[in-house]
Amino acid sequence: MMVISVASFSVLALLLFAIYPITDVLKLAFQDRGAWTLSNFEYYANYPGFVQAVWHTLNLSAWATLITVMLAYLFCLSLYHASMPYRNFWRAVMMLPLLLPSLMQALGVQFILGRNGIINQVFGTDLDIYGFQGILISNVIYALPHAFLVLQVALSGVNAQQYEAAQLFGAKPAKVFFSITLPNSRYAILSAVFLVFAINISEFGNPMVIGGDYNVLATEIYNQVVGQSNLNMGAVIAVFLLLPVMITMVLEQHLAKRQTLMAKVSNVSFSPKPKRWRDIAALCYASTVALVILSIVAVVIVSSLAKLWPYDLTPTLSHFNFSVTGGKNALLHSVEMSLIAALLGGLFVTMLAWASDALPPMSSKLVYILAIIPASIPGLIVGFGYALTFANSQPFSNSAFGVILLMSICTVYHYHAQAFSMMVNRIKQVDHALYQASAMLGASSLRTFSKITLPLIWPTIVTVMLFYFIQGMVTLSALIFLVTPQTSLAAVSVLTLNDTGQLSQAAALSTMIMLTVCLSWLLLQGINRFSRLKEVTD
């Protein structure tokens, strides 16, 4: 009875906060003055910027996806199919963009390649990075770690026996690559393609910062809703954005499962033997990619400390005086919102994952499908849906805390799929014989959870909470429609500062976001190490 009650509450919350707001967006797209119609789509099809925005979005996403997957694949090959030193360092640098607001990549590209960037100032050139090129570079850097995480599963878990057999028969490196490595990673490559395409097609922060006049669907939604108060047109564009993202994410999930099944066959890990020139080439490539990522981060930090970038590099902390720009309150609101999201997310996800594991197989599968649906919904559409459904309703609109609570709930369900997957996978690893023994002793479901399940899964709960905190600090698109002048967030304030030309102040606030997130990430690593050490000790 307890399990059914928890499952019912969790599913109702999921339907209310993850599914229902999206239905409001869809309803608005198909309604005009209360009547169901397709006139909104007909109007927007003839809208001057429609074809251009669609073409820009698809063209940009295609090129960014191609470049990102190629770079990430070569990086994985360098790490796992060559004998390289400091492998953990290169992996950590590749993960760094996950800890940054997407705006920070665009800011870094501006500081290096913009009109007043390092390249133009040092070499006297006149590069114009605003538009397609700037968004492309920023999106590639932003999406690289996502592609890397997918591809490393295939390239780090290959079966050594296949390579030993190839070496025994004298196969050349090219033959080994096209006969073993590439076929074994085909599902991972396709999965990475679909995932990165979905990320690029829905990316909002980079186009807003460095896009110039290069309009894409994500920025068109914002311009229609905020700039022109045309909610119907914003909803129509949201439908055009939602469909390809949902399709690509469904395909990515399917291919990721296929790759996981292939990886399970590989029970002997592959450890490449040293080869001088191959290893040197791999080290040079990994160093180059890492240098680009670190340069983006470093130039933002340096510009935040420079008196007048790039003309006067005298160190100063004046740009960190956030009380002048309003960044102090925005940063505090971000921390408060992220902490609430972490607490709520840890609670809701744990409840749903625990109940789902205890339900019958068919019910559990249905709950799982509902729980991962948010992964296929772009953050901009989630935030738009929340603005339509909850922004003007009690208890979310009557106080600053109400607005922050709404943004916290939005963050929880925007990233619900990833958090739920982490939690449900951990709970499934708990030996069900323990549950059976507890039931035989007459223990209730709640007591079994508190005495058996909870002590075993607490590190994962903390990981989920820190995951939510980090995402709350860096997310922009899902919350851009929910902020108010009294309750702005740090990432949104970075966008505002950039729009008003206060780039050094924007860099300083981005740096503070990054430092906050990095401290959280270090805490997460410490908890994971303590958990592993405790398991070994036990």
Protein backbone atom coordinates (compact mmCIF):
# COMPACT_ATOMS: atom_id res chain seq x y z
CA MET A 1 0.00 0.00 0.00
CA MET A 2 2.85 2.34 0.90
CA VAL A 3 4.56 1.72 -2.44
CA ILE A 4 1.38 2.40 -4.41
CA SER A 5 0.78 5.65 -2.50
CA VAL A 6 4.32 6.90 -3.12
CA ALA A 7 4.16 5.87 -6.78
CA SER A 8 0.79 7.58 -7.26
CA PHE A 9 1.98 10.83 -5.65
CA SER A 10 5.23 10.85 -7.65
CA VAL A 11 3.50 10.12 -10.96
CA LEU A 12 0.89 12.83 -10.31
CA ALA A 13 3.67 15.31 -9.57
CA LEU A 14 5.44 14.21 -12.77
CA LEU A 15 2.28 14.68 -14.85
CA LEU A 16 1.57 18.07 -13.26
CA PHE A 17 5.05 19.57 -13.45
CA ALA A 18 6.59 17.82 -16.47
CA ILE A 19 3.77 16.97 -18.88
CA TYR A 20 0.94 19.42 -18.21
CA PRO A 21 2.92 22.65 -18.93
CA ILE A 22 3.90 21.30 -22.35
CA THR A 23 0.26 20.60 -23.19
CA ASP A 24 -0.46 24.29 -22.52
CA VAL A 25 2.18 25.26 -25.08
CA LEU A 26 0.72 22.86 -27.64
CA LYS A 27 -2.81 24.08 -26.93
CA LEU A 28 -1.75 27.69 -27.45
CA ALA A 29 -0.18 26.80 -30.81
CA PHE A 30 -3.40 25.23 -32.10
CA GLN A 31 -5.83 27.84 -30.72
CA ASP A 32 -6.86 31.30 -31.85
CA ARG A 33 -9.35 33.25 -29.70
CA GLY A 34 -10.36 30.01 -28.02
CA ALA A 35 -11.06 28.10 -31.25
CA TRP A 36 -8.98 25.16 -32.49
CA THR A 37 -7.30 26.07 -35.76
CA LEU A 38 -4.18 25.74 -37.92
CA SER A 39 -4.22 29.42 -38.79
CA ASN A 40 -1.26 30.13 -36.48
CA PHE A 41 0.88 27.69 -38.48
CA GLU A 42 -0.34 29.14 -41.78
CA TYR A 43 0.50 32.64 -40.61
CA TYR A 44 3.96 31.70 -39.39
CA ALA A 45 4.69 29.72 -42.56
CA ASN A 46 4.37 33.03 -44.42
CA TYR A 47 6.27 34.97 -41.77
CA PRO A 48 9.34 36.65 -43.34
CA GLY A 49 11.88 35.12 -40.99
CA PHE A 50 10.40 31.62 -40.75
CA VAL A 51 12.21 29.87 -43.60
CA GLN A 52 15.43 31.67 -42.69
CA ALA A 53 15.21 30.63 -39.02
CA VAL A 54 14.51 27.00 -39.93
CA TRP A 55 17.37 26.91 -42.42
CA HIS A 56 19.77 28.61 -39.99
CA THR A 57 18.84 26.15 -37.23
CA LEU A 58 19.22 23.03 -39.36
CA ASN A 59 22.39 24.24 -41.10
CA LEU A 60 24.06 25.27 -37.85
CA SER A 61 23.01 22.09 -36.02
CA ALA A 62 24.20 19.83 -38.84
CA TRP A 63 27.66 21.40 -39.04
CA ALA A 64 28.06 21.63 -35.27
CA THR A 65 27.02 17.99 -34.88
CA LEU A 66 29.42 16.77 -37.55
CA ILE A 67 32.38 18.69 -36.12
CA THR A 68 31.57 17.86 -32.49
CA VAL A 69 31.22 14.11 -33.02
CA MET A 70 34.42 13.95 -35.10
CA LEU A 71 36.42 15.87 -32.49
CA ALA A 72 35.00 13.84 -29.60
CA TYR A 73 35.60 10.54 -31.41
CA LEU A 74 39.25 11.42 -32.08
CA PHE A 75 39.62 12.51 -28.46
CA CYS A 76 38.26 9.15 -27.25
CA LEU A 77 40.60 7.31 -29.61
CA SER A 78 43.52 9.34 -28.26
CA LEU A 79 42.61 8.51 -24.67
CA TYR A 80 41.66 4.85 -24.95
CA HIS A 81 43.46 3.57 -28.06
CA ALA A 82 46.85 5.14 -27.46
CA SER A 83 49.26 4.98 -24.56
CA MET A 84 48.89 8.47 -23.09
CA PRO A 85 50.03 9.91 -19.73
CA TYR A 86 47.74 11.97 -17.46
CA ARG A 87 44.59 10.39 -18.86
CA ASN A 88 42.49 11.57 -15.92
CA PHE A 89 43.60 15.15 -16.49
CA TRP A 90 42.56 15.17 -20.15
CA ARG A 91 39.23 13.61 -19.21
CA ALA A 92 38.65 16.27 -16.53
CA VAL A 93 39.38 19.09 -18.97
CA MET A 94 36.93 17.61 -21.47
CA MET A 95 34.25 17.59 -18.75
CA LEU A 96 34.88 21.24 -17.84
CA PRO A 97 32.26 22.78 -20.22
CA LEU A 98 29.58 20.82 -18.32
CA LEU A 99 30.37 22.97 -15.28
CA LEU A 100 30.00 26.26 -17.14
CA PRO A 101 26.97 28.26 -18.26
CA SER A 102 26.62 27.92 -22.03
CA LEU A 103 27.00 31.70 -22.12
CA MET A 104 30.58 31.36 -20.93
CA GLN A 105 31.69 29.62 -24.12
CA ALA A 106 30.24 32.45 -26.19
CA LEU A 107 31.84 35.07 -23.94
CA GLY A 108 35.22 33.38 -24.29
CA VAL A 109 34.90 33.25 -28.07
CA GLN A 110 34.08 36.97 -28.05
CA PHE A 111 37.13 37.81 -25.94
CA ILE A 112 39.40 35.83 -28.27
CA LEU A 113 37.88 36.33 -31.73
CA GLY A 114 35.48 39.26 -31.31
CA ARG A 115 35.93 42.82 -32.56
CA ASN A 116 37.95 43.72 -29.45
CA GLY A 117 39.32 40.22 -29.04
CA ILE A 118 42.90 39.10 -28.57
CA ILE A 119 43.41 38.05 -32.20
CA ASN A 120 42.23 41.35 -33.68
CA GLN A 121 44.20 43.40 -31.16
CA VAL A 122 47.47 41.47 -31.50
CA PHE A 123 47.49 40.86 -35.26
CA GLY A 124 45.55 43.94 -36.40
CA THR A 125 42.95 41.82 -38.18
CA ASP A 126 39.26 42.58 -38.55
CA LEU A 127 37.59 39.27 -37.73
CA ASP A 128 33.81 39.33 -37.42
CA ILE A 129 32.85 36.30 -35.36
CA TYR A 130 29.25 37.32 -34.69
CA GLY A 131 26.76 35.09 -36.44
CA PHE A 132 27.14 31.58 -37.80
CA GLN A 133 30.86 31.18 -37.06
CA GLY A 134 30.62 32.35 -33.46
CA ILE A 135 27.62 30.18 -32.63
CA LEU A 136 29.25 27.20 -34.34
CA ILE A 137 32.47 27.44 -32.31
CA SER A 138 30.59 28.05 -29.05
CA ASN A 139 28.13 25.19 -29.63
CA VAL A 140 30.90 22.75 -30.53
CA ILE A 141 32.75 23.49 -27.29
CA TYR A 142 29.51 23.28 -25.32
CA ALA A 143 28.46 19.92 -26.83
CA LEU A 144 31.90 18.23 -26.83
CA PRO A 145 31.65 16.65 -23.35
CA HIS A 146 28.16 15.30 -24.12
CA ALA A 147 29.46 13.52 -27.21
CA PHE A 148 32.54 12.36 -25.31
CA LEU A 149 30.46 10.75 -22.56
CA VAL A 150 28.51 8.74 -25.13
CA LEU A 151 31.51 7.71 -27.22
CA GLN A 152 33.80 6.75 -24.35
CA VAL A 153 31.43 3.92 -23.41
CA ALA A 154 32.16 2.27 -26.75
CA LEU A 155 35.85 3.08 -27.07
CA SER A 156 36.90 2.39 -23.47
CA GLY A 157 35.08 -0.93 -23.15
CA VAL A 158 36.28 -2.78 -26.24
CA ASN A 159 37.20 -6.45 -26.10
CA ALA A 160 40.98 -6.91 -25.96
CA GLN A 161 40.70 -10.41 -27.43
CA GLN A 162 39.60 -9.03 -30.78
CA TYR A 163 42.66 -6.79 -30.99
CA GLU A 164 44.97 -9.57 -29.87
CA ALA A 165 43.60 -11.80 -32.64
CA ALA A 166 44.06 -9.01 -35.20
CA GLN A 167 47.64 -8.49 -34.07
CA LEU A 168 48.28 -12.23 -34.23
CA PHE A 169 47.20 -12.28 -37.88
CA GLY A 170 49.31 -9.21 -38.68
CA ALA A 171 46.45 -6.81 -39.45
CA LYS A 172 47.48 -3.23 -40.24
CA PRO A 173 46.22 -0.38 -38.01
CA ALA A 174 43.83 0.88 -40.70
CA LYS A 175 42.41 -2.62 -41.13
CA VAL A 176 41.98 -2.99 -37.36
CA PHE A 177 40.19 0.36 -37.16
CA PHE A 178 37.71 -0.30 -39.99
CA SER A 179 37.16 -3.96 -39.05
CA ILE A 180 36.97 -3.77 -35.24
CA THR A 181 36.98 -0.29 -33.73
CA LEU A 182 34.52 1.43 -36.06
CA PRO A 183 31.93 -1.41 -36.19
CA ASN A 184 32.03 -1.80 -32.40
CA SER A 185 31.34 1.91 -31.93
CA ARG A 186 28.75 2.43 -34.68
CA TYR A 187 25.79 2.64 -32.29
CA ALA A 188 27.68 5.05 -30.03
CA ILE A 189 28.52 7.28 -33.01
CA LEU A 190 24.89 7.41 -34.13
CA SER A 191 23.75 7.96 -30.55
CA ALA A 192 26.21 10.84 -30.20
CA VAL A 193 25.03 12.32 -33.50
CA PHE A 194 21.39 12.37 -32.40
CA LEU A 195 22.21 13.65 -28.91
CA VAL A 196 24.46 16.46 -30.13
CA PHE A 197 21.98 17.42 -32.87
CA ALA A 198 19.23 17.73 -30.24
CA ILE A 199 21.51 19.86 -28.03
CA ASN A 200 22.47 22.16 -30.89
CA ILE A 201 19.01 22.58 -32.33
CA SER A 202 17.66 23.72 -28.95
CA GLU A 203 20.66 25.71 -27.67
CA PHE A 204 19.67 29.22 -26.60
CA GLY A 205 22.48 30.89 -24.66
CA ASN A 206 25.23 30.92 -27.31
CA PRO A 207 23.03 32.31 -30.13
CA MET A 208 21.77 35.04 -27.80
CA VAL A 209 25.29 36.14 -26.84
CA ILE A 210 27.19 35.85 -30.11
CA GLY A 211 24.54 35.20 -32.76
CA GLY A 212 24.16 38.77 -33.99
CA ASP A 213 21.51 38.80 -36.73
CA TYR A 214 21.76 35.04 -37.29
CA ASN A 215 18.32 34.02 -36.03
CA VAL A 216 17.56 30.44 -35.01
CA LEU A 217 14.36 28.84 -33.76
CA ALA A 218 15.37 29.01 -30.08
CA THR A 219 16.00 32.75 -30.20
CA GLU A 220 12.87 33.25 -32.33
CA ILE A 221 10.73 31.81 -29.52
CA TYR A 222 12.26 34.29 -27.08
CA ASN A 223 11.88 37.22 -29.47
CA GLN A 224 8.24 36.41 -30.18
CA VAL A 225 7.25 35.86 -26.54
CA VAL A 226 9.33 38.53 -24.78
CA GLY A 227 10.11 40.98 -27.58
CA GLN A 228 6.69 41.06 -29.28
CA SER A 229 4.39 39.48 -26.64
CA ASN A 230 3.09 37.16 -29.33
CA LEU A 231 2.48 34.01 -27.31
CA ASN A 232 0.73 32.13 -30.12
CA MET A 233 3.65 32.55 -32.49
CA GLY A 234 6.08 31.54 -29.73
CA ALA A 235 4.05 28.37 -29.21
CA VAL A 236 4.04 27.60 -32.95
CA ILE A 237 7.82 27.91 -33.13
CA ALA A 238 8.04 25.72 -30.01
CA VAL A 239 6.19 22.96 -31.89
CA PHE A 240 8.64 23.21 -34.80
CA LEU A 241 11.50 22.95 -32.30
CA LEU A 242 9.94 20.21 -30.18
CA LEU A 243 9.28 17.65 -32.91
CA PRO A 244 12.85 17.15 -34.22
CA VAL A 245 14.29 17.19 -30.69
CA MET A 246 11.86 14.51 -29.49
CA ILE A 247 12.54 12.32 -32.52
CA THR A 248 16.32 12.58 -32.18
CA MET A 249 16.23 11.94 -28.42
CA VAL A 250 14.08 8.82 -28.86
CA LEU A 251 16.53 7.52 -31.46
CA GLU A 252 19.46 8.37 -29.18
CA GLN A 253 17.94 6.44 -26.28
CA HIS A 254 17.36 3.39 -28.51
CA LEU A 255 20.89 3.44 -29.91
CA ALA A 256 22.42 3.98 -26.46
CA LYS A 257 20.74 0.74 -25.30
CA ARG A 258 22.11 -1.12 -28.32
CA GLN A 259 25.61 0.14 -27.57
CA THR A 260 25.25 -0.87 -23.91
CA LEU A 261 24.29 -4.38 -24.95
CA MET A 262 27.36 -4.58 -27.20
CA ALA A 263 29.59 -3.29 -24.40
CA LYS A 264 28.38 -6.01 -22.03
CA VAL A 265 29.92 -8.64 -24.30
CA SER A 266 33.36 -7.10 -23.80
CA ASN A 267 34.69 -8.65 -20.62
CA VAL A 268 38.43 -8.17 -21.16
CA SER A 269 39.51 -4.53 -21.22
CA PHE A 270 41.80 -3.30 -23.97
CA SER A 271 45.13 -1.75 -23.02
CA PRO A 272 47.06 -0.49 -26.09
CA LYS A 273 50.77 -1.13 -26.28
CA PRO A 274 53.04 1.91 -26.60
CA LYS A 275 53.77 3.11 -30.16
CA ARG A 276 55.88 6.22 -30.30
CA TRP A 277 54.46 8.23 -33.23
CA ARG A 278 50.85 7.22 -32.61
CA ASP A 279 51.15 8.16 -28.94
CA ILE A 280 52.82 11.48 -29.76
CA ALA A 281 50.07 12.32 -32.26
CA ALA A 282 47.39 11.38 -29.72
CA LEU A 283 49.03 13.49 -27.02
CA CYS A 284 49.31 16.48 -29.38
CA TYR A 285 45.67 16.20 -30.38
CA ALA A 286 44.38 15.84 -26.80
CA SER A 287 46.59 18.74 -25.72
CA THR A 288 45.23 20.94 -28.51
CA VAL A 289 41.58 20.25 -27.62
CA ALA A 290 42.31 20.78 -23.93
CA LEU A 291 44.17 24.01 -24.70
CA VAL A 292 41.16 25.40 -26.60
CA ILE A 293 38.79 24.58 -23.72
CA LEU A 294 41.15 25.96 -21.09
CA SER A 295 41.77 29.10 -23.19
CA ILE A 296 38.04 29.82 -23.30
CA VAL A 297 37.85 29.55 -19.51
CA ALA A 298 41.10 31.40 -18.86
CA VAL A 299 40.30 34.38 -21.07
CA VAL A 300 36.96 34.91 -19.32
CA ILE A 301 38.67 34.83 -15.92
CA VAL A 302 41.44 37.19 -17.06
CA SER A 303 38.98 39.63 -18.62
CA SER A 304 37.01 39.69 -15.36
CA LEU A 305 40.18 40.79 -13.55
CA ALA A 306 41.39 43.31 -16.17
CA LYS A 307 40.70 46.99 -15.60
CA LEU A 308 39.63 47.62 -19.20
CA TRP A 309 39.71 44.59 -21.49
CA PRO A 310 41.71 44.34 -23.75
CA TYR A 311 43.37 47.78 -23.53
CA ASP A 312 44.34 47.94 -19.85
CA LEU A 313 45.12 44.57 -18.25
CA THR A 314 45.91 46.03 -14.82
CA PRO A 315 44.47 43.56 -12.27
CA THR A 316 41.40 44.78 -10.40
CA LEU A 317 38.46 43.35 -8.50
CA SER A 318 36.13 46.21 -9.36
CA HIS A 319 34.10 44.09 -11.77
CA PHE A 320 33.24 41.75 -8.89
CA ASN A 321 31.35 44.58 -7.15
CA PHE A 322 28.05 42.97 -8.06
CA SER A 323 26.01 45.32 -5.87
CA VAL A 324 26.36 47.92 -8.65
CA THR A 325 25.08 45.66 -11.44
CA GLY A 326 22.59 43.65 -9.39
CA GLY A 327 24.67 40.53 -9.81
CA LYS A 328 24.99 39.93 -6.05
CA ASN A 329 21.28 39.31 -5.57
CA ALA A 330 21.14 37.31 -8.78
CA LEU A 331 23.96 35.06 -7.59
CA LEU A 332 22.33 34.59 -4.18
CA HIS A 333 19.00 33.80 -5.84
CA SER A 334 20.74 31.22 -8.05
CA VAL A 335 22.32 29.54 -5.04
CA GLU A 336 19.01 29.57 -3.14
CA MET A 337 17.06 28.24 -6.13
CA SER A 338 19.65 25.54 -6.82
CA LEU A 339 19.69 24.40 -3.19
CA ILE A 340 15.90 24.08 -3.16
CA ALA A 341 16.03 22.21 -6.49
CA ALA A 342 18.66 19.88 -5.04
CA LEU A 343 16.53 19.07 -2.00
CA LEU A 344 13.28 18.66 -3.94
CA GLY A 345 14.97 16.75 -6.74
CA GLY A 346 16.71 14.35 -4.39
CA LEU A 347 13.42 13.67 -2.59
CA PHE A 348 11.13 13.32 -5.62
CA VAL A 349 13.52 11.27 -7.73
CA THR A 350 14.35 8.89 -4.87
CA MET A 351 10.67 8.37 -4.10
CA LEU A 352 9.77 7.65 -7.72
CA ALA A 353 12.77 5.38 -8.37
CA TRP A 354 12.14 3.36 -5.18
CA ALA A 355 8.43 2.98 -5.91
CA SER A 356 9.08 2.14 -9.57
CA ASP A 357 11.46 -0.67 -8.60
CA ALA A 358 8.84 -2.19 -6.29
CA LEU A 359 5.96 -2.04 -8.81
CA PRO A 360 4.99 -4.89 -11.17
CA PRO A 361 7.05 -4.98 -14.42
CA MET A 362 4.40 -3.41 -16.68
CA SER A 363 3.64 -0.58 -14.24
CA SER A 364 7.35 -0.02 -13.64
CA LYS A 365 8.00 0.26 -17.38
CA LEU A 366 5.18 2.80 -17.78
CA VAL A 367 6.57 4.89 -14.92
CA TYR A 368 10.04 4.75 -16.51
CA ILE A 369 8.70 6.01 -19.86
CA LEU A 370 6.93 8.92 -18.14
CA ALA A 371 10.02 9.71 -16.07
CA ILE A 372 12.37 10.08 -19.05
CA ILE A 373 10.02 12.12 -21.26
CA PRO A 374 11.51 15.44 -20.01
CA ALA A 375 14.83 14.49 -21.67
CA SER A 376 13.25 15.10 -25.08
CA ILE A 377 11.78 18.54 -24.25
CA PRO A 378 14.06 21.58 -24.80
CA GLY A 379 14.50 23.78 -21.76
CA LEU A 380 13.14 26.83 -23.54
CA ILE A 381 9.82 25.05 -24.13
CA VAL A 382 9.73 23.80 -20.53
CA GLY A 383 10.20 27.35 -19.23
CA PHE A 384 7.61 28.72 -21.67
CA GLY A 385 5.13 26.09 -20.49
CA TYR A 386 5.76 26.97 -16.84
CA ALA A 387 5.23 30.66 -17.59
CA LEU A 388 1.88 29.88 -19.23
CA THR A 389 0.70 27.41 -16.57
CA PHE A 390 2.08 28.53 -13.21
CA ALA A 391 3.67 31.99 -13.36
CA ASN A 392 0.46 33.89 -12.56
CA SER A 393 -1.05 31.35 -10.18
CA GLN A 394 -0.88 30.89 -6.44
CA PRO A 395 1.36 30.13 -4.57
CA PHE A 396 4.08 30.98 -7.10
CA SER A 397 3.34 34.62 -7.94
CA ASN A 398 2.70 36.22 -4.56
CA SER A 399 6.28 36.44 -3.26
CA ALA A 400 9.92 36.28 -4.29
CA PHE A 401 10.17 32.89 -2.61
CA GLY A 402 7.19 31.70 -4.67
CA VAL A 403 9.00 32.60 -7.88
CA ILE A 404 12.19 30.91 -6.70
CA LEU A 405 10.20 27.82 -5.70
CA LEU A 406 8.63 27.70 -9.17
CA MET A 407 12.06 27.97 -10.81
CA SER A 408 13.34 25.20 -8.53
CA ILE A 409 10.51 22.87 -9.50
CA CYS A 410 11.09 23.73 -13.16
CA THR A 411 14.76 22.77 -12.77
CA VAL A 412 13.85 19.50 -11.04
CA TYR A 413 11.58 18.33 -13.84
CA HIS A 414 13.65 19.75 -16.69
CA TYR A 415 16.53 17.47 -15.64
CA HIS A 416 14.31 14.74 -14.21
CA ALA A 417 15.21 12.08 -16.80
CA GLN A 418 18.96 12.15 -16.11
CA ALA A 419 18.52 12.17 -12.33
CA PHE A 420 15.91 9.42 -12.43
CA SER A 421 18.14 7.22 -14.60
CA MET A 422 20.99 7.55 -12.12
CA MET A 423 18.78 6.70 -9.16
CA VAL A 424 16.82 3.82 -10.69
CA ASN A 425 20.02 2.17 -11.95
CA ARG A 426 21.50 2.32 -8.44
CA ILE A 427 18.38 0.94 -6.76
CA LYS A 428 18.26 -1.97 -9.24
CA GLN A 429 21.76 -2.93 -8.08
CA VAL A 430 20.50 -3.58 -4.53
CA ASP A 431 20.20 -7.33 -3.90
CA HIS A 432 16.47 -8.17 -3.84
CA ALA A 433 17.22 -11.04 -1.46
CA LEU A 434 17.59 -8.38 1.22
CA TYR A 435 14.04 -7.21 0.54
CA GLN A 436 12.74 -10.76 0.69
CA ALA A 437 14.47 -11.38 4.01
CA SER A 438 13.04 -8.13 5.39
CA ALA A 439 9.52 -9.09 4.26
CA MET A 440 9.86 -12.51 5.88
CA LEU A 441 10.73 -10.80 9.17
CA GLY A 442 7.53 -8.75 8.89
CA ALA A 443 9.11 -5.36 8.22
CA SER A 444 6.97 -2.73 6.47
CA SER A 445 7.97 -1.22 3.13
CA LEU A 446 8.92 2.04 4.83
CA ARG A 447 11.11 0.28 7.39
CA THR A 448 12.77 -1.80 4.67
CA PHE A 449 13.54 1.37 2.76
CA SER A 450 14.95 3.21 5.77
CA LYS A 451 17.01 0.30 7.09
CA ILE A 452 18.19 -1.41 3.89
CA THR A 453 17.71 0.69 0.75
CA LEU A 454 18.58 4.14 2.08
CA PRO A 455 21.96 3.21 3.64
CA LEU A 456 23.01 1.59 0.34
CA ILE A 457 21.90 4.38 -2.01
CA TRP A 458 22.72 7.52 -0.01
CA PRO A 459 25.84 8.36 -2.11
CA THR A 460 23.65 8.32 -5.24
CA ILE A 461 21.08 10.55 -3.53
CA VAL A 462 23.82 13.06 -2.74
CA THR A 463 25.09 12.77 -6.32
CA VAL A 464 21.60 13.52 -7.66
CA MET A 465 21.27 16.50 -5.33
CA LEU A 466 24.63 17.93 -6.41
CA PHE A 467 23.67 17.26 -10.04
CA TYR A 468 20.56 19.38 -9.56
CA PHE A 469 22.53 22.10 -7.79
CA ILE A 470 25.04 22.31 -10.63
CA GLN A 471 22.36 22.35 -13.32
CA GLY A 472 20.42 25.00 -11.41
CA MET A 473 23.47 27.26 -11.33
CA VAL A 474 24.28 27.00 -15.04
CA THR A 475 20.88 26.62 -16.71
CA LEU A 476 19.43 29.53 -18.65
CA SER A 477 16.86 28.50 -21.26
CA ALA A 478 14.44 26.74 -18.88
CA LEU A 479 14.29 29.75 -16.54
CA ILE A 480 14.55 32.76 -18.86
CA PHE A 481 10.75 33.17 -18.95
CA LEU A 482 10.32 32.84 -15.17
CA VAL A 483 12.70 35.48 -13.80
CA THR A 484 11.39 38.80 -12.54
CA PRO A 485 13.21 42.09 -11.82
CA GLN A 486 13.17 41.13 -8.14
CA THR A 487 14.24 37.49 -8.61
CA SER A 488 16.72 37.35 -11.46
CA LEU A 489 19.30 34.58 -11.66
CA ALA A 490 23.06 34.72 -12.24
CA ALA A 491 22.99 33.12 -15.71
CA VAL A 492 20.22 35.49 -16.82
CA SER A 493 22.14 38.46 -15.41
CA VAL A 494 25.19 37.43 -17.45
CA LEU A 495 23.01 37.64 -20.57
CA THR A 496 21.70 41.06 -19.52
CA LEU A 497 25.18 42.41 -18.81
CA ASN A 498 26.39 41.15 -22.17
CA ASP A 499 23.45 42.83 -23.95
CA THR A 500 24.27 46.16 -22.28
CA GLY A 501 27.94 45.92 -23.25
CA GLN A 502 29.27 45.28 -19.72
CA LEU A 503 31.40 42.35 -20.83
CA SER A 504 33.90 42.44 -17.98
CA GLN A 505 31.10 42.40 -15.41
CA ALA A 506 29.47 39.53 -17.33
CA ALA A 507 32.79 37.68 -17.24
CA ALA A 508 33.12 38.29 -13.49
CA LEU A 509 29.64 36.91 -12.79
CA SER A 510 30.34 33.92 -15.07
CA THR A 511 33.54 33.29 -13.12
CA MET A 512 31.62 33.26 -9.83
CA ILE A 513 29.11 30.80 -11.26
CA MET A 514 31.97 28.59 -12.44
CA LEU A 515 33.73 28.70 -9.06
CA THR A 516 30.50 27.81 -7.23
CA VAL A 517 29.85 24.90 -9.57
CA CYS A 518 33.46 23.65 -9.44
CA LEU A 519 33.36 23.58 -5.64
CA SER A 520 30.17 21.53 -5.86
CA TRP A 521 31.81 19.18 -8.35
CA LEU A 522 34.84 18.73 -6.09
CA LEU A 523 32.47 17.92 -3.24
CA LEU A 524 30.80 15.32 -5.43
CA GLN A 525 34.16 13.74 -6.27
CA GLY A 526 35.04 13.60 -2.58
CA ILE A 527 31.76 11.88 -1.75
CA ASN A 528 32.25 9.35 -4.54
CA ARG A 529 35.76 8.53 -3.33
CA PHE A 530 34.54 8.18 0.26
CA SER A 531 31.74 5.89 -0.92
CA ARG A 532 34.14 3.65 -2.87
CA LEU A 533 36.57 3.56 0.05
CA LYS A 534 33.76 2.60 2.43
CA GLU A 535 32.64 -0.20 0.09
CA VAL A 536 36.18 -1.60 -0.02
CA THR A 537 36.52 -1.33 3.78
CA ASP A 538 33.17 -3.03 4.35
